[in-house]
């Protein structure tokens, strides 16, 4: 095992990007292994090799491995594990639970947005006004209210946590898909987005030539 942790995932941002953003904020150096692009019908050989070797519980990526032999899958579990280890999971159990609320809300929003990817034209015409016109504004309104009600300007407690990097991942995805104007209507979220972009670790990640291009929704 290498002396630094290793993150293994398919080509692209996908479910690993929120982990990458947290690692960037925490200043954690790690190796990234790209197993190749995901296809519904033809899986990358390197992914199949890992699966056959029994290294992927539930047959899933991303995979996170640490010096000493710790190995885990499931993006949410990896995210929380890293947050706990780096002190970015709040100051106590209540703040950790508040972080969990934000993480779960963002995951729900992202899952709905992913439903637009590759949707058939008829299904897309049905989903777009619901997801973008109704559900997205509700999520943004709630997130805006939470961040505005916290004097620190963060989502949980008095300093940055995994809740902040997770919300940031959602806002970045929306901006990449031409929805910056939707975010701009919420003063709390708009200010939060700009502050997060200026954080040293995140800034380096966002401008890194190794960063994968955004995954565009079918809109």
Protein backbone atom coordinates (compact mmCIF):
# COMPACT_ATOMS: atom_id res chain seq x y z
CA UNK A 1 0.00 0.00 0.00
CA UNK A 2 1.22 3.50 -0.82
CA UNK A 3 2.04 6.04 1.87
CA UNK A 4 -0.92 8.23 0.88
CA UNK A 5 -4.61 7.28 0.53
CA UNK A 6 -6.08 6.28 -2.81
CA UNK A 7 -9.40 7.19 -4.43
CA UNK A 8 -10.57 4.93 -7.25
CA UNK A 9 -13.45 5.91 -9.53
CA UNK A 10 -14.70 5.99 -13.09
CA UNK A 11 -13.68 8.75 -15.49
CA UNK A 12 -15.53 11.91 -14.52
CA UNK A 13 -16.74 13.83 -11.49
CA UNK A 14 -19.84 11.80 -10.61
CA UNK A 15 -20.32 10.63 -7.05
CA UNK A 16 -16.62 11.07 -6.27
CA UNK A 17 -16.58 14.84 -6.76
CA UNK A 18 -18.04 15.68 -3.36
CA UNK A 19 -15.25 13.54 -1.86
CA UNK A 20 -12.62 15.36 -3.92
CA UNK A 21 -13.94 18.73 -2.76
CA UNK A 22 -13.81 17.66 0.89
CA UNK A 23 -10.25 16.37 0.43
CA UNK A 24 -9.29 19.66 -1.21
CA UNK A 25 -10.70 21.68 1.69
CA UNK A 26 -8.96 19.42 4.19
CA UNK A 27 -5.65 19.64 2.34
CA UNK A 28 -5.33 15.86 2.05
CA UNK A 29 -2.88 14.55 -0.53
CA UNK A 30 -4.09 11.40 -2.24
CA UNK A 31 -3.59 9.26 -5.32
CA UNK A 32 -6.45 8.99 -7.80
CA UNK A 33 -7.02 5.88 -9.91
CA UNK A 34 -9.23 6.26 -13.00
CA UNK A 35 -10.65 2.89 -14.06
CA UNK A 36 -12.13 4.29 -17.27
CA UNK A 37 -15.54 5.57 -18.39
CA UNK A 38 -18.75 4.00 -17.16
CA UNK A 39 -21.07 2.37 -19.68
CA UNK A 40 -24.40 0.72 -18.94
CA UNK A 41 -23.63 -2.28 -21.16
CA UNK A 42 -19.83 -2.53 -21.12
CA UNK A 43 -17.98 -2.10 -17.82
CA UNK A 44 -14.32 -0.97 -17.75
CA UNK A 45 -11.89 -3.91 -17.44
CA UNK A 46 -10.11 -2.36 -14.44
CA UNK A 47 -13.43 -2.08 -12.62
CA UNK A 48 -14.22 -5.73 -13.36
CA UNK A 49 -10.77 -6.73 -12.10
CA UNK A 50 -11.33 -4.95 -8.78
CA UNK A 51 -14.75 -6.53 -8.46
CA UNK A 52 -13.43 -10.03 -9.24
CA UNK A 53 -10.64 -9.55 -6.67
CA UNK A 54 -13.23 -8.92 -3.96
CA UNK A 55 -12.06 -5.36 -3.29
CA UNK A 56 -15.43 -3.74 -3.90
CA UNK A 57 -18.08 -4.32 -1.26
CA UNK A 58 -21.48 -4.27 -3.00
CA UNK A 59 -19.59 -4.08 -6.32
CA UNK A 60 -19.47 -0.29 -6.07
CA UNK A 61 -17.18 2.66 -6.73
CA UNK A 62 -15.84 5.02 -5.50
CA UNK A 63 -13.30 3.05 -3.49
CA UNK A 64 -11.25 4.72 -0.74
CA UNK A 65 -8.10 3.00 0.56
CA UNK A 66 -5.79 4.18 3.31
CA UNK A 67 -2.24 3.25 4.36
CA UNK A 68 -2.63 0.46 6.89
CA UNK A 69 -5.26 -1.40 4.89
CA UNK A 70 -8.56 0.40 5.56
CA UNK A 71 -10.80 0.07 2.52
CA UNK A 72 -14.35 1.33 1.99
CA UNK A 73 -16.97 2.05 -0.66
CA UNK A 74 -20.24 4.04 -0.81
CA UNK A 75 -19.65 7.75 -1.41
CA UNK A 76 -21.63 8.89 1.62
CA UNK A 77 -19.74 6.58 3.97
CA UNK A 78 -16.40 7.71 2.54
CA UNK A 79 -17.42 11.36 2.82
CA UNK A 80 -18.38 11.05 6.49
CA UNK A 81 -15.29 8.99 7.34
CA UNK A 82 -12.97 11.63 5.91
CA UNK A 83 -14.95 14.41 7.57
CA UNK A 84 -14.59 12.73 10.97
CA UNK A 85 -10.86 12.13 10.51
CA UNK A 86 -10.16 15.71 9.43
CA UNK A 87 -12.32 17.53 11.99
CA UNK A 88 -14.82 18.70 9.36
CA UNK A 89 -17.86 16.95 10.82
CA UNK A 90 -18.86 19.58 13.38
CA UNK A 91 -17.82 20.07 16.99
CA UNK A 92 -20.24 17.61 18.57
CA UNK A 93 -22.94 15.05 17.87
CA UNK A 94 -25.61 17.68 17.23
CA UNK A 95 -23.48 19.48 14.68
CA UNK A 96 -22.63 16.14 13.03
CA UNK A 97 -26.35 15.44 12.73
CA UNK A 98 -26.90 18.90 11.24
CA UNK A 99 -24.20 18.07 8.68
CA UNK A 100 -26.03 14.82 7.91
CA UNK A 101 -29.25 16.73 7.27
CA UNK A 102 -27.52 18.91 4.70
CA UNK A 103 -25.73 15.96 3.07
CA UNK A 104 -28.98 14.02 2.72
CA UNK A 105 -30.87 17.01 1.32
CA UNK A 106 -28.18 17.67 -1.28
CA UNK A 107 -28.05 13.99 -2.25
CA UNK A 108 -31.79 14.02 -2.82
CA UNK A 109 -31.52 17.10 -5.02
CA UNK A 110 -28.61 15.66 -7.01
CA UNK A 111 -30.39 12.34 -7.54
CA UNK A 112 -33.36 14.19 -9.01
CA UNK A 113 -31.06 16.19 -11.27
CA UNK A 114 -29.36 12.97 -12.42
CA UNK A 115 -32.75 11.75 -13.60
CA UNK A 116 -32.42 14.31 -16.42
CA UNK A 117 -29.22 12.69 -17.74
CA UNK A 118 -29.97 10.51 -20.73
CA UNK A 119 -33.73 10.82 -20.31
CA UNK A 120 -35.82 10.11 -23.39
CA UNK A 121 -37.32 13.28 -24.96
CA UNK A 122 -40.84 12.54 -23.77
CA UNK A 123 -39.68 11.78 -20.23
CA UNK A 124 -37.41 14.82 -20.23
CA UNK A 125 -40.27 17.09 -21.23
CA UNK A 126 -42.20 15.72 -18.26
CA UNK A 127 -39.33 15.98 -15.75
CA UNK A 128 -37.82 19.38 -16.62
CA UNK A 129 -40.62 21.64 -15.36
CA UNK A 130 -40.92 19.59 -12.17
CA UNK A 131 -37.22 19.26 -11.28
CA UNK A 132 -35.99 22.66 -12.48
CA UNK A 133 -39.16 24.70 -12.12
CA UNK A 134 -40.57 23.37 -8.85
CA UNK A 135 -38.22 21.14 -6.85
CA UNK A 136 -34.96 23.01 -7.38
CA UNK A 137 -36.33 26.37 -6.15
CA UNK A 138 -37.65 24.67 -3.00
CA UNK A 139 -34.24 23.13 -2.22
CA UNK A 140 -32.41 26.40 -2.92
CA UNK A 141 -34.85 28.37 -0.79
CA UNK A 142 -34.35 26.06 2.17
CA UNK A 143 -30.55 26.07 1.83
CA UNK A 144 -30.55 29.84 1.46
CA UNK A 145 -32.56 30.23 4.64
CA UNK A 146 -30.20 27.97 6.61
CA UNK A 147 -27.00 29.73 5.57
CA UNK A 148 -28.47 33.20 6.09
CA UNK A 149 -29.60 32.28 9.60
CA UNK A 150 -26.06 31.28 10.63
CA UNK A 151 -23.95 34.37 11.53
CA UNK A 152 -20.76 32.48 10.64
CA UNK A 153 -21.75 32.29 6.99
CA UNK A 154 -21.35 28.51 7.06
CA UNK A 155 -24.09 25.90 7.10
CA UNK A 156 -23.25 24.28 10.45
CA UNK A 157 -21.53 25.81 13.46
CA UNK A 158 -18.86 28.48 13.38
CA UNK A 159 -16.43 26.99 10.86
CA UNK A 160 -16.35 25.10 7.58
CA UNK A 161 -17.64 21.51 7.61
CA UNK A 162 -18.50 18.73 5.20
CA UNK A 163 -21.95 20.33 4.94
CA UNK A 164 -20.39 23.34 3.23
CA UNK A 165 -18.33 21.39 0.72
CA UNK A 166 -21.37 19.24 -0.08
CA UNK A 167 -23.62 22.23 -0.76
CA UNK A 168 -20.80 23.75 -2.77
CA UNK A 169 -20.71 20.62 -4.96
CA UNK A 170 -24.42 21.08 -5.72
CA UNK A 171 -24.08 24.77 -6.55
CA UNK A 172 -21.08 24.07 -8.78
CA UNK A 173 -23.09 21.47 -10.70
CA UNK A 174 -25.95 23.92 -11.20
CA UNK A 175 -23.59 26.66 -12.41
CA UNK A 176 -21.98 24.24 -14.84
CA UNK A 177 -25.43 23.62 -16.30
CA UNK A 178 -26.27 27.26 -16.89
CA UNK A 179 -28.29 27.83 -13.71
CA UNK A 180 -26.12 30.56 -12.20
CA UNK A 181 -28.96 33.05 -12.47
CA UNK A 182 -31.17 30.80 -10.38
CA UNK A 183 -28.57 30.81 -7.59
CA UNK A 184 -28.06 34.58 -7.90
CA UNK A 185 -31.64 35.18 -6.79
CA UNK A 186 -30.73 33.80 -3.35
CA UNK A 187 -28.40 36.25 -1.61
CA UNK A 188 -27.27 33.82 1.06
CA UNK A 189 -26.31 31.09 -1.39
CA UNK A 190 -24.74 33.50 -3.85
CA UNK A 191 -22.47 34.96 -1.19
CA UNK A 192 -21.66 31.52 0.17
CA UNK A 193 -20.68 30.28 -3.29
CA UNK A 194 -18.24 33.14 -3.82
CA UNK A 195 -16.67 32.70 -0.38
CA UNK A 196 -16.15 28.99 -0.91
CA UNK A 197 -14.51 29.55 -4.31
CA UNK A 198 -11.90 31.70 -2.57
CA UNK A 199 -10.88 29.08 -0.03
CA UNK A 200 -7.30 28.04 -0.88
CA UNK A 201 -7.81 24.30 -1.13
CA UNK A 202 -11.01 24.55 -3.14
CA UNK A 203 -9.55 27.22 -5.40
CA UNK A 204 -6.63 24.95 -6.27
CA UNK A 205 -8.96 22.06 -7.00
CA UNK A 206 -11.28 24.15 -9.20
CA UNK A 207 -8.41 25.38 -11.35
CA UNK A 208 -6.48 22.11 -11.49
CA UNK A 209 -5.86 20.87 -15.04
CA UNK A 210 -6.51 17.35 -13.75
CA UNK A 211 -10.11 18.15 -12.81
CA UNK A 212 -12.66 16.29 -14.88
CA UNK A 213 -15.05 18.34 -17.06
CA UNK A 214 -18.57 18.80 -15.70
CA UNK A 215 -21.35 16.32 -16.31
CA UNK A 216 -24.04 18.20 -18.19
CA UNK A 217 -27.70 17.56 -17.60
CA UNK A 218 -30.10 17.07 -20.48
CA UNK A 219 -31.80 20.46 -20.49
